[in-house]
All heavy atoms as atom14 arrays in JSON, in Angstrom:
{
  "sequence": "DTSIIIPWLKENYNNCEVIAVSGDVGQGTELDGLEEKAIKTGASKLYI",
  "atom14_mask": [
    [1, 1, 1, 1, 1, 1, 1, 1, 0, 0, 0, 0, 0, 0],
    [1, 1, 1, 1, 1, 1, 1, 0, 0, 0, 0, 0, 0, 0],
    [1, 1, 1, 1, 1, 1, 0, 0, 0, 0, 0, 0, 0, 0],
    [1, 1, 1, 1, 1, 1, 1, 1, 0, 0, 0, 0, 0, 0],
    [1, 1, 1, 1, 1, 1, 1, 1, 0, 0, 0, 0, 0, 0],
    [1, 1, 1, 1, 1, 1, 1, 1, 0, 0, 0, 0, 0, 0],
    [1, 1, 1, 1, 1, 1, 1, 0, 0, 0, 0, 0, 0, 0],
    [1, 1, 1, 1, 1, 1, 1, 1, 1, 1, 1, 1, 1, 1],
    [1, 1, 1, 1, 1, 1, 1, 1, 0, 0, 0, 0, 0, 0],
    [1, 1, 1, 1, 1, 1, 1, 1, 1, 0, 0, 0, 0, 0],
    [1, 1, 1, 1, 1, 1, 1, 1, 1, 0, 0, 0, 0, 0],
    [1, 1, 1, 1, 1, 1, 1, 1, 0, 0, 0, 0, 0, 0],
    [1, 1, 1, 1, 1, 1, 1, 1, 1, 1, 1, 1, 0, 0],
    [1, 1, 1, 1, 1, 1, 1, 1, 0, 0, 0, 0, 0, 0],
    [1, 1, 1, 1, 1, 1, 1, 1, 0, 0, 0, 0, 0, 0],
    [1, 1, 1, 1, 1, 1, 0, 0, 0, 0, 0, 0, 0, 0],
    [1, 1, 1, 1, 1, 1, 1, 1, 1, 0, 0, 0, 0, 0],
    [1, 1, 1, 1, 1, 1, 1, 0, 0, 0, 0, 0, 0, 0],
    [1, 1, 1, 1, 1, 1, 1, 1, 0, 0, 0, 0, 0, 0],
    [1, 1, 1, 1, 1, 0, 0, 0, 0, 0, 0, 0, 0, 0],
    [1, 1, 1, 1, 1, 1, 1, 0, 0, 0, 0, 0, 0, 0],
    [1, 1, 1, 1, 1, 1, 0, 0, 0, 0, 0, 0, 0, 0],
    [1, 1, 1, 1, 0, 0, 0, 0, 0, 0, 0, 0, 0, 0],
    [1, 1, 1, 1, 1, 1, 1, 1, 0, 0, 0, 0, 0, 0],
    [1, 1, 1, 1, 1, 1, 1, 0, 0, 0, 0, 0, 0, 0],
    [1, 1, 1, 1, 0, 0, 0, 0, 0, 0, 0, 0, 0, 0],
    [1, 1, 1, 1, 1, 1, 1, 1, 1, 0, 0, 0, 0, 0],
    [1, 1, 1, 1, 0, 0, 0, 0, 0, 0, 0, 0, 0, 0],
    [1, 1, 1, 1, 1, 1, 1, 0, 0, 0, 0, 0, 0, 0],
    [1, 1, 1, 1, 1, 1, 1, 1, 1, 0, 0, 0, 0, 0],
    [1, 1, 1, 1, 1, 1, 1, 1, 0, 0, 0, 0, 0, 0],
    [1, 1, 1, 1, 1, 1, 1, 1, 0, 0, 0, 0, 0, 0],
    [1, 1, 1, 1, 0, 0, 0, 0, 0, 0, 0, 0, 0, 0],
    [1, 1, 1, 1, 1, 1, 1, 1, 0, 0, 0, 0, 0, 0],
    [1, 1, 1, 1, 1, 1, 1, 1, 1, 0, 0, 0, 0, 0],
    [1, 1, 1, 1, 1, 1, 1, 1, 1, 0, 0, 0, 0, 0],
    [1, 1, 1, 1, 1, 1, 1, 1, 1, 0, 0, 0, 0, 0],
    [1, 1, 1, 1, 1, 0, 0, 0, 0, 0, 0, 0, 0, 0],
    [1, 1, 1, 1, 1, 1, 1, 1, 0, 0, 0, 0, 0, 0],
    [1, 1, 1, 1, 1, 1, 1, 1, 1, 0, 0, 0, 0, 0],
    [1, 1, 1, 1, 1, 1, 1, 0, 0, 0, 0, 0, 0, 0],
    [1, 1, 1, 1, 0, 0, 0, 0, 0, 0, 0, 0, 0, 0],
    [1, 1, 1, 1, 1, 0, 0, 0, 0, 0, 0, 0, 0, 0],
    [1, 1, 1, 1, 1, 1, 0, 0, 0, 0, 0, 0, 0, 0],
    [1, 1, 1, 1, 1, 1, 1, 1, 1, 0, 0, 0, 0, 0],
    [1, 1, 1, 1, 1, 1, 1, 1, 0, 0, 0, 0, 0, 0],
    [1, 1, 1, 1, 1, 1, 1, 1, 1, 1, 1, 1, 0, 0],
    [1, 1, 1, 1, 1, 1, 1, 1, 0, 0, 0, 0, 0, 0]
  ],
  "atom14_positions": [
    [[36.8, 14.97, 25.44], [36.78, 16.3, 26.05], [36.86, 16.26, 27.57], [37.73, 16.86, 28.18], [35.51, 17.06, 25.62], [35.46, 17.33, 24.13], [36.5, 17.66, 23.55], [34.36, 17.21, 23.54], [0.0, 0.0, 0.0], [0.0, 0.0, 0.0], [0.0, 0.0, 0.0], [0.0, 0.0, 0.0], [0.0, 0.0, 0.0], [0.0, 0.0, 0.0]],
    [[35.9, 15.53, 28.17], [35.84, 15.57, 29.64], [36.95, 14.76, 30.29], [37.28, 15.0, 31.47], [34.46, 15.08, 30.14], [34.2, 13.76, 29.63], [33.37, 16.02, 29.67], [0.0, 0.0, 0.0], [0.0, 0.0, 0.0], [0.0, 0.0, 0.0], [0.0, 0.0, 0.0], [0.0, 0.0, 0.0], [0.0, 0.0, 0.0], [0.0, 0.0, 0.0]],
    [[37.55, 13.83, 29.56], [38.67, 13.07, 30.12], [39.86, 13.98, 30.42], [40.56, 13.81, 31.43], [39.11, 11.96, 29.16], [38.11, 10.97, 29.06], [0.0, 0.0, 0.0], [0.0, 0.0, 0.0], [0.0, 0.0, 0.0], [0.0, 0.0, 0.0], [0.0, 0.0, 0.0], [0.0, 0.0, 0.0], [0.0, 0.0, 0.0], [0.0, 0.0, 0.0]],
    [[40.11, 14.93, 29.54], [41.26, 15.82, 29.77], [40.9, 17.03, 30.62], [41.78, 17.7, 31.15], [41.91, 16.27, 28.44], [41.01, 17.24, 27.68], [42.27, 15.07, 27.58], [41.7, 17.9, 26.5], [0.0, 0.0, 0.0], [0.0, 0.0, 0.0], [0.0, 0.0, 0.0], [0.0, 0.0, 0.0], [0.0, 0.0, 0.0], [0.0, 0.0, 0.0]],
    [[39.62, 17.3, 30.77], [39.22, 18.49, 31.53], [39.52, 18.32, 33.01], [39.88, 19.3, 33.7], [37.74, 18.82, 31.29], [37.57, 19.48, 29.92], [37.19, 19.74, 32.38], [36.13, 19.76, 29.54], [0.0, 0.0, 0.0], [0.0, 0.0, 0.0], [0.0, 0.0, 0.0], [0.0, 0.0, 0.0], [0.0, 0.0, 0.0], [0.0, 0.0, 0.0]],
    [[39.41, 17.11, 33.56], [39.67, 16.93, 34.99], [41.08, 17.39, 35.36], [41.23, 18.26, 36.23], [39.41, 15.47, 35.43], [37.91, 15.14, 35.31], [39.88, 15.27, 36.88], [37.57, 13.7, 35.64], [0.0, 0.0, 0.0], [0.0, 0.0, 0.0], [0.0, 0.0, 0.0], [0.0, 0.0, 0.0], [0.0, 0.0, 0.0], [0.0, 0.0, 0.0]],
    [[42.12, 16.86, 34.74], [43.46, 17.36, 35.1], [43.67, 18.82, 34.71], [44.39, 19.55, 35.41], [44.41, 16.44, 34.32], [43.59, 15.83, 33.24], [42.2, 15.72, 33.79], [0.0, 0.0, 0.0], [0.0, 0.0, 0.0], [0.0, 0.0, 0.0], [0.0, 0.0, 0.0], [0.0, 0.0, 0.0], [0.0, 0.0, 0.0], [0.0, 0.0, 0.0]],
    [[43.02, 19.26, 33.63], [43.16, 20.67, 33.24], [42.59, 21.59, 34.31], [43.19, 22.63, 34.64], [42.47, 20.9, 31.9], [42.57, 22.3, 31.4], [43.57, 22.84, 30.63], [41.65, 23.38, 31.64], [43.33, 24.17, 30.38], [42.16, 24.53, 31.0], [40.45, 23.49, 32.34], [41.51, 25.76, 31.03], [39.8, 24.71, 32.38], [40.34, 25.83, 31.73]],
    [[41.45, 21.24, 34.87], [40.86, 22.04, 35.94], [41.78, 22.11, 37.15], [41.98, 23.18, 37.74], [39.5, 21.47, 36.35], [38.31, 21.73, 35.43], [37.11, 20.88, 35.85], [37.93, 23.2, 35.41], [0.0, 0.0, 0.0], [0.0, 0.0, 0.0], [0.0, 0.0, 0.0], [0.0, 0.0, 0.0], [0.0, 0.0, 0.0], [0.0, 0.0, 0.0]],
    [[42.32, 20.98, 37.52], [43.19, 20.95, 38.71], [44.47, 21.75, 38.47], [44.97, 22.41, 39.39], [43.49, 19.5, 39.08], [42.24, 18.72, 39.47], [42.53, 17.32, 39.93], [43.06, 17.28, 41.34], [42.06, 17.68, 42.34], [0.0, 0.0, 0.0], [0.0, 0.0, 0.0], [0.0, 0.0, 0.0], [0.0, 0.0, 0.0], [0.0, 0.0, 0.0]],
    [[44.97, 21.73, 37.23], [46.17, 22.49, 36.91], [45.93, 23.99, 36.93], [46.78, 24.77, 37.34], [46.68, 22.1, 35.51], [47.34, 20.75, 35.42], [47.74, 20.41, 34.0], [47.45, 21.22, 33.08], [48.33, 19.34, 33.78], [0.0, 0.0, 0.0], [0.0, 0.0, 0.0], [0.0, 0.0, 0.0], [0.0, 0.0, 0.0], [0.0, 0.0, 0.0]],
    [[44.76, 24.4, 36.49], [44.51, 25.83, 36.27], [43.64, 26.5, 37.33], [43.5, 27.72, 37.32], [43.87, 26.02, 34.9], [44.84, 25.74, 33.77], [45.67, 26.56, 33.42], [44.74, 24.54, 33.2], [0.0, 0.0, 0.0], [0.0, 0.0, 0.0], [0.0, 0.0, 0.0], [0.0, 0.0, 0.0], [0.0, 0.0, 0.0], [0.0, 0.0, 0.0]],
    [[43.06, 25.73, 38.24], [42.24, 26.3, 39.31], [42.76, 25.84, 40.68], [41.99, 25.36, 41.52], [40.77, 25.93, 39.11], [40.12, 26.69, 37.97], [40.17, 26.21, 36.68], [39.47, 27.91, 38.19], [39.6, 26.9, 35.62], [38.89, 28.61, 37.14], [38.96, 28.11, 35.87], [38.38, 28.79, 34.82], [0.0, 0.0, 0.0], [0.0, 0.0, 0.0]],
    [[44.07, 25.97, 40.87], [44.69, 25.76, 42.18], [44.33, 24.41, 42.8], [43.97, 24.32, 43.98], [44.3, 26.89, 43.14], [44.79, 28.24, 42.65], [45.93, 28.36, 42.19], [43.93, 29.25, 42.73], [0.0, 0.0, 0.0], [0.0, 0.0, 0.0], [0.0, 0.0, 0.0], [0.0, 0.0, 0.0], [0.0, 0.0, 0.0], [0.0, 0.0, 0.0]],
    [[44.41, 23.36, 41.99], [44.16, 22.0, 42.47], [42.78, 21.88, 43.12], [42.61, 21.24, 44.16], [45.24, 21.56, 43.45], [45.29, 20.06, 43.61], [45.03, 19.31, 42.67], [45.59, 19.6, 44.82], [0.0, 0.0, 0.0], [0.0, 0.0, 0.0], [0.0, 0.0, 0.0], [0.0, 0.0, 0.0], [0.0, 0.0, 0.0], [0.0, 0.0, 0.0]],
    [[41.8, 22.49, 42.49], [40.43, 22.46, 43.03], [39.89, 21.03, 43.06], [40.35, 20.15, 42.32], [39.51, 23.33, 42.18], [39.3, 22.74, 40.48], [0.0, 0.0, 0.0], [0.0, 0.0, 0.0], [0.0, 0.0, 0.0], [0.0, 0.0, 0.0], [0.0, 0.0, 0.0], [0.0, 0.0, 0.0], [0.0, 0.0, 0.0], [0.0, 0.0, 0.0]],
    [[38.91, 20.8, 43.91], [38.23, 19.51, 43.92], [37.32, 19.43, 42.7], [36.58, 20.37, 42.4], [37.4, 19.34, 45.2], [36.66, 18.0, 45.25], [35.76, 17.86, 46.46], [35.7, 18.8, 47.28], [35.11, 16.8, 46.58], [0.0, 0.0, 0.0], [0.0, 0.0, 0.0], [0.0, 0.0, 0.0], [0.0, 0.0, 0.0], [0.0, 0.0, 0.0]],
    [[37.36, 18.3, 42.02], [36.5, 18.08, 40.84], [35.59, 16.9, 41.14], [36.05, 15.78, 41.38], [37.33, 17.8, 39.57], [36.38, 17.56, 38.39], [38.27, 18.96, 39.27], [0.0, 0.0, 0.0], [0.0, 0.0, 0.0], [0.0, 0.0, 0.0], [0.0, 0.0, 0.0], [0.0, 0.0, 0.0], [0.0, 0.0, 0.0], [0.0, 0.0, 0.0]],
    [[34.29, 17.17, 41.12], [33.28, 16.13, 41.3], [32.66, 15.87, 39.93], [32.09, 16.76, 39.31], [32.2, 16.56, 42.3], [32.82, 16.8, 43.67], [31.09, 15.53, 42.37], [31.86, 17.45, 44.67], [0.0, 0.0, 0.0], [0.0, 0.0, 0.0], [0.0, 0.0, 0.0], [0.0, 0.0, 0.0], [0.0, 0.0, 0.0], [0.0, 0.0, 0.0]],
    [[32.8, 14.65, 39.44], [32.29, 14.3, 38.12], [30.86, 13.77, 38.24], [30.54, 13.04, 39.18], [33.18, 13.25, 37.47], [0.0, 0.0, 0.0], [0.0, 0.0, 0.0], [0.0, 0.0, 0.0], [0.0, 0.0, 0.0], [0.0, 0.0, 0.0], [0.0, 0.0, 0.0], [0.0, 0.0, 0.0], [0.0, 0.0, 0.0], [0.0, 0.0, 0.0]],
    [[30.03, 14.16, 37.28], [28.64, 13.69, 37.24], [28.33, 13.19, 35.84], [28.52, 13.89, 34.85], [27.64, 14.81, 37.61], [26.2, 14.29, 37.53], [27.93, 15.36, 38.99], [0.0, 0.0, 0.0], [0.0, 0.0, 0.0], [0.0, 0.0, 0.0], [0.0, 0.0, 0.0], [0.0, 0.0, 0.0], [0.0, 0.0, 0.0], [0.0, 0.0, 0.0]],
    [[27.86, 11.96, 35.77], [27.44, 11.38, 34.5], [25.97, 11.01, 34.58], [25.55, 10.31, 35.5], [28.28, 10.14, 34.18], [27.91, 9.59, 32.94], [0.0, 0.0, 0.0], [0.0, 0.0, 0.0], [0.0, 0.0, 0.0], [0.0, 0.0, 0.0], [0.0, 0.0, 0.0], [0.0, 0.0, 0.0], [0.0, 0.0, 0.0], [0.0, 0.0, 0.0]],
    [[25.2, 11.48, 33.63], [23.79, 11.14, 33.57], [23.59, 9.93, 32.68], [23.94, 9.96, 31.49], [0.0, 0.0, 0.0], [0.0, 0.0, 0.0], [0.0, 0.0, 0.0], [0.0, 0.0, 0.0], [0.0, 0.0, 0.0], [0.0, 0.0, 0.0], [0.0, 0.0, 0.0], [0.0, 0.0, 0.0], [0.0, 0.0, 0.0], [0.0, 0.0, 0.0]],
    [[23.05, 8.85, 33.23], [22.8, 7.64, 32.45], [21.47, 7.81, 31.7], [20.4, 7.65, 32.26], [22.75, 6.42, 33.37], [22.5, 5.12, 32.6], [22.37, 5.17, 31.36], [22.41, 4.07, 33.26], [0.0, 0.0, 0.0], [0.0, 0.0, 0.0], [0.0, 0.0, 0.0], [0.0, 0.0, 0.0], [0.0, 0.0, 0.0], [0.0, 0.0, 0.0]],
    [[21.59, 8.13, 30.42], [20.42, 8.25, 29.56], [20.42, 7.15, 28.49], [19.89, 7.31, 27.41], [20.33, 9.65, 28.91], [19.9, 10.69, 29.92], [21.65, 10.03, 28.24], [0.0, 0.0, 0.0], [0.0, 0.0, 0.0], [0.0, 0.0, 0.0], [0.0, 0.0, 0.0], [0.0, 0.0, 0.0], [0.0, 0.0, 0.0], [0.0, 0.0, 0.0]],
    [[21.07, 6.04, 28.85], [21.06, 4.89, 27.95], [22.3, 4.72, 27.12], [22.25, 4.12, 26.04], [0.0, 0.0, 0.0], [0.0, 0.0, 0.0], [0.0, 0.0, 0.0], [0.0, 0.0, 0.0], [0.0, 0.0, 0.0], [0.0, 0.0, 0.0], [0.0, 0.0, 0.0], [0.0, 0.0, 0.0], [0.0, 0.0, 0.0], [0.0, 0.0, 0.0]],
    [[23.45, 5.19, 27.63], [24.7, 5.03, 26.88], [25.21, 3.59, 26.88], [26.1, 3.25, 26.11], [25.8, 5.93, 27.46], [25.5, 7.4, 27.47], [24.91, 7.87, 28.79], [23.96, 7.28, 29.29], [25.45, 8.93, 29.36], [0.0, 0.0, 0.0], [0.0, 0.0, 0.0], [0.0, 0.0, 0.0], [0.0, 0.0, 0.0], [0.0, 0.0, 0.0]],
    [[24.69, 2.77, 27.77], [25.08, 1.37, 27.81], [26.51, 1.18, 28.28], [26.92, 1.69, 29.32], [0.0, 0.0, 0.0], [0.0, 0.0, 0.0], [0.0, 0.0, 0.0], [0.0, 0.0, 0.0], [0.0, 0.0, 0.0], [0.0, 0.0, 0.0], [0.0, 0.0, 0.0], [0.0, 0.0, 0.0], [0.0, 0.0, 0.0], [0.0, 0.0, 0.0]],
    [[27.3, 0.45, 27.48], [28.66, 0.07, 27.89], [29.6, 1.27, 27.98], [30.71, 1.13, 28.52], [29.25, -0.95, 26.91], [29.24, -0.41, 25.58], [28.43, -2.24, 26.92], [0.0, 0.0, 0.0], [0.0, 0.0, 0.0], [0.0, 0.0, 0.0], [0.0, 0.0, 0.0], [0.0, 0.0, 0.0], [0.0, 0.0, 0.0], [0.0, 0.0, 0.0]],
    [[29.2, 2.42, 27.46], [30.06, 3.61, 27.57], [30.29, 4.0, 29.03], [31.26, 4.7, 29.35], [29.44, 4.79, 26.82], [29.5, 4.66, 25.31], [29.06, 5.93, 24.6], [28.79, 6.93, 25.29], [28.99, 5.91, 23.37], [0.0, 0.0, 0.0], [0.0, 0.0, 0.0], [0.0, 0.0, 0.0], [0.0, 0.0, 0.0], [0.0, 0.0, 0.0]],
    [[29.42, 3.54, 29.93], [29.56, 3.86, 31.35], [30.48, 2.88, 32.08], [30.84, 3.11, 33.24], [28.18, 3.88, 32.02], [27.19, 4.92, 31.48], [25.82, 4.72, 32.11], [27.7, 6.33, 31.74], [0.0, 0.0, 0.0], [0.0, 0.0, 0.0], [0.0, 0.0, 0.0], [0.0, 0.0, 0.0], [0.0, 0.0, 0.0], [0.0, 0.0, 0.0]],
    [[30.85, 1.78, 31.42], [31.69, 0.78, 32.05], [33.07, 1.37, 32.39], [33.72, 1.99, 31.54], [31.87, -0.44, 31.14], [30.58, -1.21, 30.92], [29.61, -0.94, 31.64], [30.56, -2.07, 30.01], [0.0, 0.0, 0.0], [0.0, 0.0, 0.0], [0.0, 0.0, 0.0], [0.0, 0.0, 0.0], [0.0, 0.0, 0.0], [0.0, 0.0, 0.0]],
    [[33.51, 1.16, 33.62], [34.83, 1.63, 34.04], [34.94, 3.13, 34.22], [36.05, 3.65, 34.41], [0.0, 0.0, 0.0], [0.0, 0.0, 0.0], [0.0, 0.0, 0.0], [0.0, 0.0, 0.0], [0.0, 0.0, 0.0], [0.0, 0.0, 0.0], [0.0, 0.0, 0.0], [0.0, 0.0, 0.0], [0.0, 0.0, 0.0], [0.0, 0.0, 0.0]],
    [[33.81, 3.82, 34.2], [33.83, 5.29, 34.23], [34.32, 5.82, 35.58], [35.09, 6.78, 35.63], [32.43, 5.83, 33.91], [32.37, 7.2, 33.22], [33.11, 7.16, 31.9], [30.92, 7.6, 32.98], [0.0, 0.0, 0.0], [0.0, 0.0, 0.0], [0.0, 0.0, 0.0], [0.0, 0.0, 0.0], [0.0, 0.0, 0.0], [0.0, 0.0, 0.0]],
    [[33.88, 5.19, 36.67], [34.27, 5.68, 37.99], [35.77, 5.57, 38.19], [36.43, 6.51, 38.65], [33.52, 4.91, 39.08], [33.85, 5.43, 40.49], [33.02, 4.75, 41.56], [32.42, 3.7, 41.27], [32.97, 5.29, 42.68], [0.0, 0.0, 0.0], [0.0, 0.0, 0.0], [0.0, 0.0, 0.0], [0.0, 0.0, 0.0], [0.0, 0.0, 0.0]],
    [[36.33, 4.41, 37.83], [37.77, 4.21, 37.98], [38.55, 5.23, 37.16], [39.53, 5.81, 37.64], [38.14, 2.79, 37.52], [39.62, 2.49, 37.63], [39.97, 1.11, 37.09], [39.05, 0.4, 36.64], [41.17, 0.76, 37.13], [0.0, 0.0, 0.0], [0.0, 0.0, 0.0], [0.0, 0.0, 0.0], [0.0, 0.0, 0.0], [0.0, 0.0, 0.0]],
    [[38.09, 5.48, 35.94], [38.78, 6.44, 35.07], [38.71, 7.85, 35.63], [39.7, 8.58, 35.64], [38.18, 6.4, 33.67], [38.85, 7.34, 32.68], [38.25, 7.21, 31.3], [38.94, 8.14, 30.32], [38.38, 8.04, 28.95], [0.0, 0.0, 0.0], [0.0, 0.0, 0.0], [0.0, 0.0, 0.0], [0.0, 0.0, 0.0], [0.0, 0.0, 0.0]],
    [[37.51, 8.26, 36.1], [37.34, 9.61, 36.62], [38.25, 9.86, 37.83], [38.92, 10.89, 37.94], [35.88, 9.85, 36.99], [0.0, 0.0, 0.0], [0.0, 0.0, 0.0], [0.0, 0.0, 0.0], [0.0, 0.0, 0.0], [0.0, 0.0, 0.0], [0.0, 0.0, 0.0], [0.0, 0.0, 0.0], [0.0, 0.0, 0.0], [0.0, 0.0, 0.0]],
    [[38.27, 8.91, 38.74], [39.08, 9.07, 39.95], [40.57, 9.01, 39.62], [41.38, 9.77, 40.16], [38.68, 8.0, 40.99], [37.25, 8.29, 41.49], [39.67, 7.97, 42.16], [36.67, 7.25, 42.4], [0.0, 0.0, 0.0], [0.0, 0.0, 0.0], [0.0, 0.0, 0.0], [0.0, 0.0, 0.0], [0.0, 0.0, 0.0], [0.0, 0.0, 0.0]],
    [[40.95, 8.13, 38.71], [42.36, 8.01, 38.34], [42.88, 9.29, 37.69], [44.06, 9.62, 37.82], [42.53, 6.82, 37.38], [43.99, 6.48, 37.07], [44.09, 5.24, 36.2], [43.69, 4.01, 36.99], [43.93, 2.76, 36.19], [0.0, 0.0, 0.0], [0.0, 0.0, 0.0], [0.0, 0.0, 0.0], [0.0, 0.0, 0.0], [0.0, 0.0, 0.0]],
    [[42.0, 10.02, 37.01], [42.44, 11.26, 36.35], [42.28, 12.49, 37.24], [42.56, 13.6, 36.8], [41.68, 11.48, 35.03], [40.26, 11.39, 35.26], [42.09, 10.46, 34.0], [0.0, 0.0, 0.0], [0.0, 0.0, 0.0], [0.0, 0.0, 0.0], [0.0, 0.0, 0.0], [0.0, 0.0, 0.0], [0.0, 0.0, 0.0], [0.0, 0.0, 0.0]],
    [[41.81, 12.28, 38.49], [41.83, 13.39, 39.43], [40.53, 13.78, 40.1], [40.51, 14.65, 40.97], [0.0, 0.0, 0.0], [0.0, 0.0, 0.0], [0.0, 0.0, 0.0], [0.0, 0.0, 0.0], [0.0, 0.0, 0.0], [0.0, 0.0, 0.0], [0.0, 0.0, 0.0], [0.0, 0.0, 0.0], [0.0, 0.0, 0.0], [0.0, 0.0, 0.0]],
    [[39.41, 13.16, 39.7], [38.14, 13.5, 40.34], [38.08, 12.93, 41.76], [38.64, 11.86, 42.03], [36.97, 12.96, 39.52], [0.0, 0.0, 0.0], [0.0, 0.0, 0.0], [0.0, 0.0, 0.0], [0.0, 0.0, 0.0], [0.0, 0.0, 0.0], [0.0, 0.0, 0.0], [0.0, 0.0, 0.0], [0.0, 0.0, 0.0], [0.0, 0.0, 0.0]],
    [[37.39, 13.63, 42.65], [37.25, 13.13, 44.02], [36.17, 12.07, 44.12], [36.21, 11.2, 44.98], [36.93, 14.29, 44.97], [35.68, 14.88, 44.64], [0.0, 0.0, 0.0], [0.0, 0.0, 0.0], [0.0, 0.0, 0.0], [0.0, 0.0, 0.0], [0.0, 0.0, 0.0], [0.0, 0.0, 0.0], [0.0, 0.0, 0.0], [0.0, 0.0, 0.0]],
    [[35.2, 12.14, 43.24], [34.12, 11.16, 43.22], [33.39, 11.26, 41.89], [33.55, 12.22, 41.14], [33.13, 11.37, 44.38], [32.31, 12.65, 44.27], [31.27, 12.76, 45.38], [31.86, 13.26, 46.68], [30.81, 13.61, 47.67], [0.0, 0.0, 0.0], [0.0, 0.0, 0.0], [0.0, 0.0, 0.0], [0.0, 0.0, 0.0], [0.0, 0.0, 0.0]],
    [[32.57, 10.25, 41.61], [31.74, 10.26, 40.4], [30.32, 9.87, 40.76], [30.09, 8.83, 41.38], [32.28, 9.28, 39.35], [31.36, 9.03, 38.13], [31.25, 10.28, 37.26], [31.85, 7.84, 37.3], [0.0, 0.0, 0.0], [0.0, 0.0, 0.0], [0.0, 0.0, 0.0], [0.0, 0.0, 0.0], [0.0, 0.0, 0.0], [0.0, 0.0, 0.0]],
    [[29.38, 10.72, 40.38], [27.97, 10.37, 40.44], [27.57, 9.78, 39.09], [27.84, 10.39, 38.04], [27.1, 11.6, 40.67], [27.11, 12.22, 42.04], [28.08, 13.15, 42.4], [26.12, 11.9, 42.97], [28.07, 13.76, 43.65], [26.1, 12.5, 44.22], [27.07, 13.43, 44.55], [27.04, 14.03, 45.78], [0.0, 0.0, 0.0], [0.0, 0.0, 0.0]],
    [[26.94, 8.62, 39.08], [26.3, 8.1, 37.87], [24.8, 8.05, 38.17], [24.33, 7.22, 38.94], [26.82, 6.72, 37.47], [28.31, 6.79, 37.14], [26.05, 6.2, 36.25], [28.92, 5.45, 36.73], [0.0, 0.0, 0.0], [0.0, 0.0, 0.0], [0.0, 0.0, 0.0], [0.0, 0.0, 0.0], [0.0, 0.0, 0.0], [0.0, 0.0, 0.0]]
  ]
}
């Protein structure tokens, strides 16, 4: 869901800035590579 939402937001809200926030509540390896992916898909930054 959230992987496609970043480009969708930029397409539909005049190329708005998207700041991604991920809460680490114990997802483990699911957080690996998350910053690179978020920025590559259009986010300006990622908070973990």
